[in-house]
PDB file of N, CA and C in Angstrom:
ATOM      1  N   MET A   1    -141.615 -42.366  36.807  1.00  0.00           N
ATOM      2  CA  MET A   1    -140.274 -42.710  37.245  1.00  0.00           C
ATOM      3  C   MET A   1    -139.407 -42.977  36.016  1.00  0.00           C
ATOM      4  N   VAL A   2    -138.178 -42.520  36.035  1.00  0.00           N
ATOM      5  CA  VAL A   2    -137.260 -42.688  34.921  1.00  0.00           C
ATOM      6  C   VAL A   2    -136.479 -43.984  35.096  1.00  0.00           C
ATOM      7  N   THR A   3    -136.348 -44.744  34.007  1.00  0.00           N
ATOM      8  CA  THR A   3    -135.522 -45.947  34.027  1.00  0.00           C
ATOM      9  C   THR A   3    -134.298 -45.711  33.172  1.00  0.00           C
ATOM     10  N   ASP A   4    -133.292 -46.559  33.313  1.00  0.00           N
ATOM     11  CA  ASP A   4    -132.027 -46.367  32.616  1.00  0.00           C
ATOM     12  C   ASP A   4    -131.836 -47.251  31.392  1.00  0.00           C
ATOM     13  N   TYR A   5    -132.826 -47.975  30.959  1.00  0.00           N
ATOM     14  CA  TYR A   5    -132.552 -48.959  29.929  1.00  0.00           C
ATOM     15  C   TYR A   5    -133.405 -48.870  28.682  1.00  0.00           C
ATOM     16  N   ILE A   6    -134.388 -48.040  28.633  1.00  0.00           N
ATOM     17  CA  ILE A   6    -135.263 -48.066  27.462  1.00  0.00           C
ATOM     18  C   ILE A   6    -135.682 -46.646  27.083  1.00  0.00           C
ATOM     19  N   CYS A   7    -135.729 -46.401  25.784  1.00  0.00           N
ATOM     20  CA  CYS A   7    -136.206 -45.116  25.291  1.00  0.00           C
ATOM     21  C   CYS A   7    -137.723 -45.172  25.234  1.00  0.00           C
ATOM     22  N   ARG A   8    -138.364 -44.301  25.972  1.00  0.00           N
ATOM     23  CA  ARG A   8    -139.821 -44.340  26.047  1.00  0.00           C
ATOM     24  C   ARG A   8    -140.473 -43.146  25.375  1.00  0.00           C
ATOM     25  N   VAL A   9    -139.825 -41.988  25.403  1.00  0.00           N
ATOM     26  CA  VAL A   9    -140.404 -40.778  24.833  1.00  0.00           C
ATOM     27  C   VAL A   9    -139.655 -40.432  23.555  1.00  0.00           C
ATOM     28  N   ARG A  10    -140.394 -40.112  22.533  1.00  0.00           N
ATOM     29  CA  ARG A  10    -139.803 -39.684  21.265  1.00  0.00           C
ATOM     30  C   ARG A  10    -139.767 -38.160  21.246  1.00  0.00           C
ATOM     31  N   ILE A  11    -138.618 -37.597  20.895  1.00  0.00           N
ATOM     32  CA  ILE A  11    -138.443 -36.148  20.838  1.00  0.00           C
ATOM     33  C   ILE A  11    -138.424 -35.714  19.382  1.00  0.00           C
ATOM     34  N   ILE A  12    -139.289 -34.766  19.039  1.00  0.00           N
ATOM     35  CA  ILE A  12    -139.360 -34.201  17.694  1.00  0.00           C
ATOM     36  C   ILE A  12    -139.037 -32.718  17.834  1.00  0.00           C
ATOM     37  N   SER A  13    -138.058 -32.153  17.415  1.00  0.00           N
ATOM     38  CA  SER A  13    -136.909 -32.629  16.698  1.00  0.00           C
ATOM     39  C   SER A  13    -135.645 -32.250  17.473  1.00  0.00           C
ATOM     40  N   ILE A  14    -134.882 -33.270  17.784  1.00  0.00           N
ATOM     41  CA  ILE A  14    -133.609 -33.055  18.481  1.00  0.00           C
ATOM     42  C   ILE A  14    -132.691 -32.198  17.624  1.00  0.00           C
ATOM     43  N   LYS A  15    -132.875 -32.227  16.316  1.00  0.00           N
ATOM     44  CA  LYS A  15    -132.045 -31.441  15.402  1.00  0.00           C
ATOM     45  C   LYS A  15    -132.048 -29.954  15.780  1.00  0.00           C
ATOM     46  N   LYS A  16    -133.194 -29.422  16.196  1.00  0.00           N
ATOM     47  CA  LYS A  16    -133.267 -28.016  16.613  1.00  0.00           C
ATOM     48  C   LYS A  16    -132.346 -27.739  17.793  1.00  0.00           C
ATOM     49  N   LEU A  17    -132.307 -28.678  18.722  1.00  0.00           N
ATOM     50  CA  LEU A  17    -131.447 -28.505  19.893  1.00  0.00           C
ATOM     51  C   LEU A  17    -129.982 -28.586  19.499  1.00  0.00           C
ATOM     52  N   LYS A  18    -129.656 -29.533  18.633  1.00  0.00           N
ATOM     53  CA  LYS A  18    -128.282 -29.694  18.178  1.00  0.00           C
ATOM     54  C   LYS A  18    -127.808 -28.445  17.434  1.00  0.00           C
ATOM     55  N   GLU A  19    -128.638 -27.911  16.572  1.00  0.00           N
ATOM     56  CA  GLU A  19    -128.278 -26.686  15.848  1.00  0.00           C
ATOM     57  C   GLU A  19    -128.043 -25.537  16.823  1.00  0.00           C
ATOM     58  N   PHE A  20    -128.824 -25.497  17.890  1.00  0.00           N
ATOM     59  CA  PHE A  20    -128.670 -24.446  18.885  1.00  0.00           C
ATOM     60  C   PHE A  20    -127.323 -24.555  19.587  1.00  0.00           C
ATOM     61  N   TRP A  21    -126.983 -25.745  20.112  1.00  0.00           N
ATOM     62  CA  TRP A  21    -125.733 -25.857  20.855  1.00  0.00           C
ATOM     63  C   TRP A  21    -124.507 -25.815  19.946  1.00  0.00           C
ATOM     64  N   GLU A  22    -124.678 -26.075  18.656  1.00  0.00           N
ATOM     65  CA  GLU A  22    -123.545 -25.964  17.729  1.00  0.00           C
ATOM     66  C   GLU A  22    -123.225 -24.514  17.375  1.00  0.00           C
ATOM     67  N   ASN A  23    -124.126 -23.598  17.670  1.00  0.00           N
ATOM     68  CA  ASN A  23    -123.859 -22.175  17.489  1.00  0.00           C
ATOM     69  C   ASN A  23    -122.849 -21.763  18.554  1.00  0.00           C
ATOM     70  N   PRO A  24    -121.708 -21.191  18.155  1.00  0.00           N
ATOM     71  CA  PRO A  24    -120.668 -20.838  19.138  1.00  0.00           C
ATOM     72  C   PRO A  24    -121.179 -19.952  20.281  1.00  0.00           C
ATOM     73  N   ARG A  25    -122.192 -19.145  20.031  1.00  0.00           N
ATOM     74  CA  ARG A  25    -122.723 -18.279  21.100  1.00  0.00           C
ATOM     75  C   ARG A  25    -123.428 -19.082  22.187  1.00  0.00           C
ATOM     76  N   TYR A  26    -123.920 -20.270  21.836  1.00  0.00           N
ATOM     77  CA  TYR A  26    -124.699 -21.067  22.783  1.00  0.00           C
ATOM     78  C   TYR A  26    -124.057 -22.422  23.092  1.00  0.00           C
ATOM     79  N   SER A  27    -122.783 -22.556  22.814  1.00  0.00           N
ATOM     80  CA  SER A  27    -122.116 -23.852  22.984  1.00  0.00           C
ATOM     81  C   SER A  27    -122.153 -24.346  24.434  1.00  0.00           C
ATOM     82  N   ASP A  28    -122.319 -23.427  25.390  1.00  0.00           N
ATOM     83  CA  ASP A  28    -122.401 -23.840  26.789  1.00  0.00           C
ATOM     84  C   ASP A  28    -123.715 -24.548  27.120  1.00  0.00           C
ATOM     85  N   SER A  29    -124.621 -24.595  26.164  1.00  0.00           N
ATOM     86  CA  SER A  29    -125.894 -25.288  26.383  1.00  0.00           C
ATOM     87  C   SER A  29    -125.824 -26.770  26.021  1.00  0.00           C
ATOM     88  N   GLU A  30    -124.740 -27.199  25.374  1.00  0.00           N
ATOM     89  CA  GLU A  30    -124.679 -28.575  24.873  1.00  0.00           C
ATOM     90  C   GLU A  30    -124.854 -29.614  25.976  1.00  0.00           C
ATOM     91  N   ILE A  31    -124.072 -29.556  27.009  1.00  0.00           N
ATOM     92  CA  ILE A  31    -124.155 -30.580  28.060  1.00  0.00           C
ATOM     93  C   ILE A  31    -125.510 -30.540  28.765  1.00  0.00           C
ATOM     94  N   PRO A  32    -125.995 -29.355  29.197  1.00  0.00           N
ATOM     95  CA  PRO A  32    -127.321 -29.357  29.830  1.00  0.00           C
ATOM     96  C   PRO A  32    -128.433 -29.876  28.909  1.00  0.00           C
ATOM     97  N   LEU A  33    -128.377 -29.555  27.629  1.00  0.00           N
ATOM     98  CA  LEU A  33    -129.404 -30.053  26.704  1.00  0.00           C
ATOM     99  C   LEU A  33    -129.285 -31.559  26.494  1.00  0.00           C
ATOM    100  N   LYS A  34    -128.066 -32.077  26.424  1.00  0.00           N
ATOM    101  CA  LYS A  34    -127.898 -33.525  26.284  1.00  0.00           C
ATOM    102  C   LYS A  34    -128.406 -34.260  27.523  1.00  0.00           C
ATOM    103  N   ILE A  35    -128.211 -33.679  28.687  1.00  0.00           N
ATOM    104  CA  ILE A  35    -128.741 -34.272  29.917  1.00  0.00           C
ATOM    105  C   ILE A  35    -130.271 -34.257  29.863  1.00  0.00           C
ATOM    106  N   TRP A  36    -130.849 -33.127  29.444  1.00  0.00           N
ATOM    107  CA  TRP A  36    -132.305 -33.028  29.324  1.00  0.00           C
ATOM    108  C   TRP A  36    -132.833 -34.091  28.360  1.00  0.00           C
ATOM    109  N   ILE A  37    -132.191 -34.222  27.200  1.00  0.00           N
ATOM    110  CA  ILE A  37    -132.598 -35.215  26.204  1.00  0.00           C
ATOM    111  C   ILE A  37    -132.576 -36.620  26.807  1.00  0.00           C
ATOM    112  N   ASN A  38    -131.510 -36.947  27.496  1.00  0.00           N
ATOM    113  CA  ASN A  38    -131.355 -38.273  28.087  1.00  0.00           C
ATOM    114  C   ASN A  38    -132.475 -38.574  29.085  1.00  0.00           C
ATOM    115  N   ILE A  39    -132.787 -37.617  29.933  1.00  0.00           N
ATOM    116  CA  ILE A  39    -133.854 -37.825  30.919  1.00  0.00           C
ATOM    117  C   ILE A  39    -135.204 -37.959  30.225  1.00  0.00           C
ATOM    118  N   ILE A  40    -135.483 -37.091  29.255  1.00  0.00           N
ATOM    119  CA  ILE A  40    -136.779 -37.143  28.556  1.00  0.00           C
ATOM    120  C   ILE A  40    -136.943 -38.471  27.824  1.00  0.00           C
ATOM    121  N   LYS A  41    -135.927 -38.898  27.100  1.00  0.00           N
ATOM    122  CA  LYS A  41    -136.033 -40.146  26.336  1.00  0.00           C
ATOM    123  C   LYS A  41    -136.324 -41.352  27.221  1.00  0.00           C
ATOM    124  N   LYS A  42    -135.842 -41.332  28.440  1.00  0.00           N
ATOM    125  CA  LYS A  42    -136.015 -42.477  29.333  1.00  0.00           C
ATOM    126  C   LYS A  42    -137.266 -42.381  30.191  1.00  0.00           C
ATOM    127  N   GLY A  43    -137.963 -41.275  30.090  1.00  0.00           N
ATOM    128  CA  GLY A  43    -139.123 -41.063  30.945  1.00  0.00           C
ATOM    129  C   GLY A  43    -140.392 -41.698  30.410  1.00  0.00           C
ATOM    130  N   LYS A  44    -141.362 -41.737  31.273  1.00  0.00           N
ATOM    131  CA  LYS A  44    -142.708 -42.158  30.899  1.00  0.00           C
ATOM    132  C   LYS A  44    -143.638 -41.490  31.904  1.00  0.00           C
ATOM    133  N   TRP A  45    -144.296 -40.431  31.435  1.00  0.00           N
ATOM    134  CA  TRP A  45    -145.153 -39.643  32.309  1.00  0.00           C
ATOM    135  C   TRP A  45    -146.572 -39.611  31.756  1.00  0.00           C
ATOM    136  N   GLN A  46    -147.522 -39.556  32.644  1.00  0.00           N
ATOM    137  CA  GLN A  46    -148.926 -39.502  32.247  1.00  0.00           C
ATOM    138  C   GLN A  46    -149.469 -38.076  32.230  1.00  0.00           C
ATOM    139  N   ASN A  47    -148.763 -37.167  32.896  1.00  0.00           N
ATOM    140  CA  ASN A  47    -149.221 -35.782  32.972  1.00  0.00           C
ATOM    141  C   ASN A  47    -148.080 -34.887  33.454  1.00  0.00           C
ATOM    142  N   SER A  48    -148.328 -33.588  33.472  1.00  0.00           N
ATOM    143  CA  SER A  48    -147.283 -32.630  33.846  1.00  0.00           C
ATOM    144  C   SER A  48    -146.877 -32.758  35.312  1.00  0.00           C
ATOM    145  N   ASN A  49    -147.782 -33.203  36.175  1.00  0.00           N
ATOM    146  CA  ASN A  49    -147.418 -33.398  37.582  1.00  0.00           C
ATOM    147  C   ASN A  49    -146.361 -34.488  37.732  1.00  0.00           C
ATOM    148  N   GLU A  50    -146.493 -35.561  36.961  1.00  0.00           N
ATOM    149  CA  GLU A  50    -145.486 -36.618  36.989  1.00  0.00           C
ATOM    150  C   GLU A  50    -144.165 -36.116  36.412  1.00  0.00           C
ATOM    151  N   LEU A  51    -144.227 -35.338  35.340  1.00  0.00           N
ATOM    152  CA  LEU A  51    -143.022 -34.782  34.718  1.00  0.00           C
ATOM    153  C   LEU A  51    -142.255 -33.906  35.710  1.00  0.00           C
ATOM    154  N   LYS A  52    -142.979 -33.153  36.517  1.00  0.00           N
ATOM    155  CA  LYS A  52    -142.360 -32.239  37.479  1.00  0.00           C
ATOM    156  C   LYS A  52    -141.582 -32.977  38.564  1.00  0.00           C
ATOM    157  N   LYS A  53    -141.816 -34.255  38.749  1.00  0.00           N
ATOM    158  CA  LYS A  53    -141.021 -35.033  39.705  1.00  0.00           C
ATOM    159  C   LYS A  53    -139.573 -35.108  39.247  1.00  0.00           C
ATOM    160  N   ASN A  54    -139.357 -35.153  37.931  1.00  0.00           N
ATOM    161  CA  ASN A  54    -138.007 -35.168  37.376  1.00  0.00           C
ATOM    162  C   ASN A  54    -137.494 -33.770  37.065  1.00  0.00           C
ATOM    163  N   PHE A  55    -138.407 -32.843  36.828  1.00  0.00           N
ATOM    164  CA  PHE A  55    -138.051 -31.463  36.468  1.00  0.00           C
ATOM    165  C   PHE A  55    -138.854 -30.490  37.346  1.00  0.00           C
ATOM    166  N   PRO A  56    -138.456 -30.326  38.606  1.00  0.00           N
ATOM    167  CA  PRO A  56    -139.242 -29.484  39.514  1.00  0.00           C
ATOM    168  C   PRO A  56    -139.350 -28.029  39.072  1.00  0.00           C
ATOM    169  N   ASP A  57    -138.390 -27.543  38.285  1.00  0.00           N
ATOM    170  CA  ASP A  57    -138.436 -26.150  37.828  1.00  0.00           C
ATOM    171  C   ASP A  57    -139.230 -25.961  36.541  1.00  0.00           C
ATOM    172  N   ALA A  58    -139.719 -27.040  35.953  1.00  0.00           N
ATOM    173  CA  ALA A  58    -140.495 -26.937  34.717  1.00  0.00           C
ATOM    174  C   ALA A  58    -141.855 -26.319  35.028  1.00  0.00           C
ATOM    175  N   ASP A  59    -142.334 -25.531  34.079  1.00  0.00           N
ATOM    176  CA  ASP A  59    -143.633 -24.881  34.247  1.00  0.00           C
ATOM    177  C   ASP A  59    -144.581 -25.318  33.149  1.00  0.00           C
ATOM    178  N   SER A  60    -145.719 -25.842  33.544  1.00  0.00           N
ATOM    179  CA  SER A  60    -146.776 -26.144  32.594  1.00  0.00           C
ATOM    180  C   SER A  60    -147.536 -24.846  32.368  1.00  0.00           C
ATOM    181  N   VAL A  61    -147.601 -24.394  31.107  1.00  0.00           N
ATOM    182  CA  VAL A  61    -148.182 -23.084  30.812  1.00  0.00           C
ATOM    183  C   VAL A  61    -149.492 -23.173  30.031  1.00  0.00           C
ATOM    184  N   GLY A  62    -150.037 -24.360  29.903  1.00  0.00           N
ATOM    185  CA  GLY A  62    -151.303 -24.548  29.199  1.00  0.00           C
ATOM    186  C   GLY A  62    -151.112 -24.993  27.764  1.00  0.00           C
ATOM    187  N   ASN A  63    -152.164 -25.537  27.198  1.00  0.00           N
ATOM    188  CA  ASN A  63    -152.162 -26.032  25.822  1.00  0.00           C
ATOM    189  C   ASN A  63    -151.038 -27.042  25.584  1.00  0.00           C
ATOM    190  N   ASN A  64    -150.796 -27.883  26.570  1.00  0.00           N
ATOM    191  CA  ASN A  64    -149.766 -28.934  26.537  1.00  0.00           C
ATOM    192  C   ASN A  64    -148.348 -28.397  26.431  1.00  0.00           C
ATOM    193  N   ARG A  65    -148.145 -27.106  26.685  1.00  0.00           N
ATOM    194  CA  ARG A  65    -146.805 -26.527  26.636  1.00  0.00           C
ATOM    195  C   ARG A  65    -146.154 -26.598  28.007  1.00  0.00           C
ATOM    196  N   THR A  66    -144.869 -26.962  27.991  1.00  0.00           N
ATOM    197  CA  THR A  66    -144.059 -26.969  29.202  1.00  0.00           C
ATOM    198  C   THR A  66    -142.797 -26.184  28.911  1.00  0.00           C
ATOM    199  N   VAL A  67    -142.412 -25.342  29.874  1.00  0.00           N
ATOM    200  CA  VAL A  67    -141.199 -24.540  29.759  1.00  0.00           C
ATOM    201  C   VAL A  67    -140.158 -25.112  30.718  1.00  0.00           C
ATOM    202  N   PHE A  68    -138.972 -25.387  30.182  1.00  0.00           N
ATOM    203  CA  PHE A  68    -137.857 -25.904  30.969  1.00  0.00           C
ATOM    204  C   PHE A  68    -136.770 -24.840  31.066  1.00  0.00           C
ATOM    205  N   ASN A  69    -136.198 -24.724  32.248  1.00  0.00           N
ATOM    206  CA  ASN A  69    -135.031 -23.869  32.444  1.00  0.00           C
ATOM    207  C   ASN A  69    -133.798 -24.713  32.134  1.00  0.00           C
ATOM    208  N   ILE A  70    -132.966 -24.218  31.232  1.00  0.00           N
ATOM    209  CA  ILE A  70    -131.752 -24.934  30.830  1.00  0.00           C
ATOM    210  C   ILE A  70    -130.548 -24.118  31.280  1.00  0.00           C
ATOM    211  N   LYS A  71    -129.590 -24.786  31.846  1.00  0.00           N
ATOM    212  CA  LYS A  71    -128.362 -24.169  32.353  1.00  0.00           C
ATOM    213  C   LYS A  71    -128.689 -23.052  33.339  1.00  0.00           C
ATOM    214  N   HIS A  72    -129.376 -23.435  34.387  1.00  0.00           N
ATOM    215  CA  HIS A  72    -129.727 -22.516  35.481  1.00  0.00           C
ATOM    216  C   HIS A  72    -130.445 -21.282  34.971  1.00  0.00           C
ATOM    217  N   ASN A  73    -131.388 -21.495  34.056  1.00  0.00           N
ATOM    218  CA  ASN A  73    -132.252 -20.440  33.540  1.00  0.00           C
ATOM    219  C   ASN A  73    -131.554 -19.506  32.551  1.00  0.00           C
ATOM    220  N   THR A  74    -130.378 -19.872  32.071  1.00  0.00           N
ATOM    221  CA  THR A  74    -129.730 -19.088  31.015  1.00  0.00           C
ATOM    222  C   THR A  74    -130.523 -19.219  29.725  1.00  0.00           C
ATOM    223  N   TYR A  75    -131.055 -20.421  29.493  1.00  0.00           N
ATOM    224  CA  TYR A  75    -131.822 -20.708  28.289  1.00  0.00           C
ATOM    225  C   TYR A  75    -133.190 -21.232  28.680  1.00  0.00           C
ATOM    226  N   ARG A  76    -134.129 -21.070  27.761  1.00  0.00           N
ATOM    227  CA  ARG A  76    -135.474 -21.582  27.961  1.00  0.00           C
ATOM    228  C   ARG A  76    -135.820 -22.505  26.806  1.00  0.00           C
ATOM    229  N   LEU A  77    -136.493 -23.582  27.144  1.00  0.00           N
ATOM    230  CA  LEU A  77    -136.919 -24.582  26.178  1.00  0.00           C
ATOM    231  C   LEU A  77    -138.425 -24.768  26.342  1.00  0.00           C
ATOM    232  N   ILE A  78    -139.154 -24.603  25.248  1.00  0.00           N
ATOM    233  CA  ILE A  78    -140.602 -24.826  25.264  1.00  0.00           C
ATOM    234  C   ILE A  78    -140.900 -26.063  24.431  1.00  0.00           C
ATOM    235  N   VAL A  79    -141.662 -26.963  25.009  1.00  0.00           N
ATOM    236  CA  VAL A  79    -142.058 -28.179  24.297  1.00  0.00           C
ATOM    237  C   VAL A  79    -143.567 -28.359  24.398  1.00  0.00           C
ATOM    238  N   VAL A  80    -144.101 -29.075  23.421  1.00  0.00           N
ATOM    239  CA  VAL A  80    -145.469 -29.571  23.495  1.00  0.00           C
ATOM    240  C   VAL A  80    -145.344 -31.047  23.823  1.00  0.00           C
ATOM    241  N   PHE A  81    -145.953 -31.464  24.906  1.00  0.00           N
ATOM    242  CA  PHE A  81    -145.850 -32.857  25.328  1.00  0.00           C
ATOM    243  C   PHE A  81    -147.194 -33.533  25.148  1.00  0.00           C
ATOM    244  N   ARG A  82    -147.202 -34.598  24.368  1.00  0.00           N
ATOM    245  CA  ARG A  82    -148.398 -35.418  24.175  1.00  0.00           C
ATOM    246  C   ARG A  82    -148.222 -36.672  25.037  1.00  0.00           C
ATOM    247  N   TYR A  83    -148.800 -36.628  26.215  1.00  0.00           N
ATOM    248  CA  TYR A  83    -148.586 -37.703  27.185  1.00  0.00           C
ATOM    249  C   TYR A  83    -149.159 -39.036  26.729  1.00  0.00           C
ATOM    250  N   LYS A  84    -150.309 -39.030  26.062  1.00  0.00           N
ATOM    251  CA  LYS A  84    -150.928 -40.288  25.638  1.00  0.00           C
ATOM    252  C   LYS A  84    -150.028 -41.088  24.712  1.00  0.00           C
ATOM    253  N   ILE A  85    -149.339 -40.396  23.816  1.00  0.00           N
ATOM    254  CA  ILE A  85    -148.499 -41.094  22.839  1.00  0.00           C
ATOM    255  C   ILE A  85    -147.006 -40.931  23.125  1.00  0.00           C
ATOM    256  N   GLN A  86    -146.664 -40.263  24.232  1.00  0.00           N
ATOM    257  CA  GLN A  86    -145.282 -40.106  24.685  1.00  0.00           C
ATOM    258  C   GLN A  86    -144.385 -39.484  23.607  1.00  0.00           C
ATOM    259  N   ILE A  87    -144.847 -38.346  23.083  1.00  0.00           N
ATOM    260  CA  ILE A  87    -144.062 -37.585  22.119  1.00  0.00           C
ATOM    261  C   ILE A  87    -143.885 -36.177  22.652  1.00  0.00           C
ATOM    262  N   CYS A  88    -142.673 -35.672  22.496  1.00  0.00           N
ATOM    263  CA  CYS A  88    -142.298 -34.336  22.950  1.00  0.00           C
ATOM    264  C   CYS A  88    -141.840 -33.539  21.724  1.00  0.00           C
ATOM    265  N   TYR A  89    -142.559 -32.460  21.421  1.00  0.00           N
ATOM    266  CA  TYR A  89    -142.246 -31.626  20.260  1.00  0.00           C
ATOM    267  C   TYR A  89    -141.500 -30.378  20.719  1.00  0.00           C
ATOM    268  N   ILE A  90    -140.316 -30.159  20.186  1.00  0.00           N
ATOM    269  CA  ILE A  90    -139.551 -28.954  20.496  1.00  0.00           C
ATOM    270  C   ILE A  90    -140.199 -27.786  19.764  1.00  0.00           C
ATOM    271  N   ARG A  91    -140.583 -26.761  20.512  1.00  0.00           N
ATOM    272  CA  ARG A  91    -141.221 -25.595  19.907  1.00  0.00           C
ATOM    273  C   ARG A  91    -140.320 -24.368  19.923  1.00  0.00           C
ATOM    274  N   PHE A  92    -139.444 -24.264  20.935  1.00  0.00           N
ATOM    275  CA  PHE A  92    -138.573 -23.085  21.060  1.00  0.00           C
ATOM    276  C   PHE A  92    -137.386 -23.436  21.938  1.00  0.00           C
ATOM    277  N   ILE A  93    -136.223 -22.961  21.527  1.00  0.00           N
ATOM    278  CA  ILE A  93    -135.025 -22.972  22.378  1.00  0.00           C
ATOM    279  C   ILE A  93    -134.350 -21.628  22.159  1.00  0.00           C
ATOM    280  N   GLY A  94    -134.028 -20.966  23.242  1.00  0.00           N
ATOM    281  CA  GLY A  94    -133.401 -19.655  23.117  1.00  0.00           C
ATOM    282  C   GLY A  94    -132.972 -19.112  24.463  1.00  0.00           C
ATOM    283  N   THR A  95    -132.446 -17.909  24.427  1.00  0.00           N
ATOM    284  CA  THR A  95    -132.021 -17.260  25.657  1.00  0.00           C
ATOM    285  C   THR A  95    -133.253 -16.819  26.451  1.00  0.00           C
ATOM    286  N   HIS A  96    -133.014 -16.511  27.693  1.00  0.00           N
ATOM    287  CA  HIS A  96    -134.106 -16.015  28.531  1.00  0.00           C
ATOM    288  C   HIS A  96    -134.655 -14.712  27.942  1.00  0.00           C
ATOM    289  N   LYS A  97    -133.779 -13.872  27.428  1.00  0.00           N
ATOM    290  CA  LYS A  97    -134.190 -12.594  26.820  1.00  0.00           C
ATOM    291  C   LYS A  97    -135.086 -12.836  25.600  1.00  0.00           C
ATOM    292  N   GLU A  98    -134.716 -13.802  24.758  1.00  0.00           N
ATOM    293  CA  GLU A  98    -135.540 -14.139  23.588  1.00  0.00           C
ATOM    294  C   GLU A  98    -136.891 -14.704  24.029  1.00  0.00           C
ATOM    295  N   TYR A  99    -136.860 -15.517  25.052  1.00  0.00           N
ATOM    296  CA  TYR A  99    -138.087 -16.101  25.598  1.00  0.00           C
ATOM    297  C   TYR A  99    -139.042 -15.006  26.073  1.00  0.00           C
ATOM    298  N   ASP A 100    -138.494 -13.997  26.730  1.00  0.00           N
ATOM    299  CA  ASP A 100    -139.319 -12.910  27.250  1.00  0.00           C
ATOM    300  C   ASP A 100    -140.063 -12.150  26.153  1.00  0.00           C
ATOM    301  N   LYS A 101    -139.618 -12.248  24.924  1.00  0.00           N
ATOM    302  CA  LYS A 101    -140.266 -11.557  23.808  1.00  0.00           C
ATOM    303  C   LYS A 101    -141.471 -12.321  23.248  1.00  0.00           C
ATOM    304  N   ILE A 102    -141.649 -13.563  23.665  1.00  0.00           N
ATOM    305  CA  ILE A 102    -142.764 -14.373  23.169  1.00  0.00           C
ATOM    306  C   ILE A 102    -144.064 -13.820  23.737  1.00  0.00           C
ATOM    307  N   LYS A 103    -144.993 -13.503  22.862  1.00  0.00           N
ATOM    308  CA  LYS A 103    -146.254 -12.895  23.288  1.00  0.00           C
ATOM    309  C   LYS A 103    -147.262 -13.907  23.814  1.00  0.00           C
ATOM    310  N   ASN A 104    -147.324 -15.099  23.194  1.00  0.00           N
ATOM    311  CA  ASN A 104    -148.296 -16.090  23.617  1.00  0.00           C
ATOM    312  C   ASN A 104    -147.654 -17.484  23.571  1.00  0.00           C
ATOM    313  N   ILE A 105    -147.159 -17.917  24.700  1.00  0.00           N
ATOM    314  CA  ILE A 105    -146.467 -19.214  24.778  1.00  0.00           C
ATOM    315  C   ILE A 105    -147.397 -20.358  24.394  1.00  0.00           C
ATOM    316  N   LYS A 106    -148.678 -20.230  24.699  1.00  0.00           N
ATOM    317  CA  LYS A 106    -149.640 -21.306  24.416  1.00  0.00           C
ATOM    318  C   LYS A 106    -149.825 -21.542  22.927  1.00  0.00           C
ATOM    319  N   GLU A 107    -149.392 -20.602  22.084  1.00  0.00           N
ATOM    320  CA  GLU A 107    -149.574 -20.738  20.642  1.00  0.00           C
ATOM    321  C   GLU A 107    -148.270 -21.041  19.903  1.00  0.00           C
ATOM    322  N   ILE A 108    -147.165 -21.054  20.596  1.00  0.00           N
ATOM    323  CA  ILE A 108    -145.886 -21.269  19.931  1.00  0.00           C
ATOM    324  C   ILE A 108    -145.717 -22.728  19.520  1.00  0.00           C
TER     325      ILE A 108
END
């Protein structure tokens, strides 16, 4: 369950997301990514099933990787989530077309 008062999950590295939305081609991703960041920071999940309560469209793809649809699937975000220590590592942010070119999501 997400609370509104405490940062529980650490995101490594928000800088990648910021660089993405600062690119004029992807500036429409800023608000959806900031919303995603806000929800993740306030969350506390023990596994991907709990995470899916807040992100029903998220897909767990193995090897601790989760894929999020950003801005109604315009963009894809891949993270590695370490539930025991509540750390979320940004592995990829890009367009759906760029995402489709990834050969092995479990290794990204």
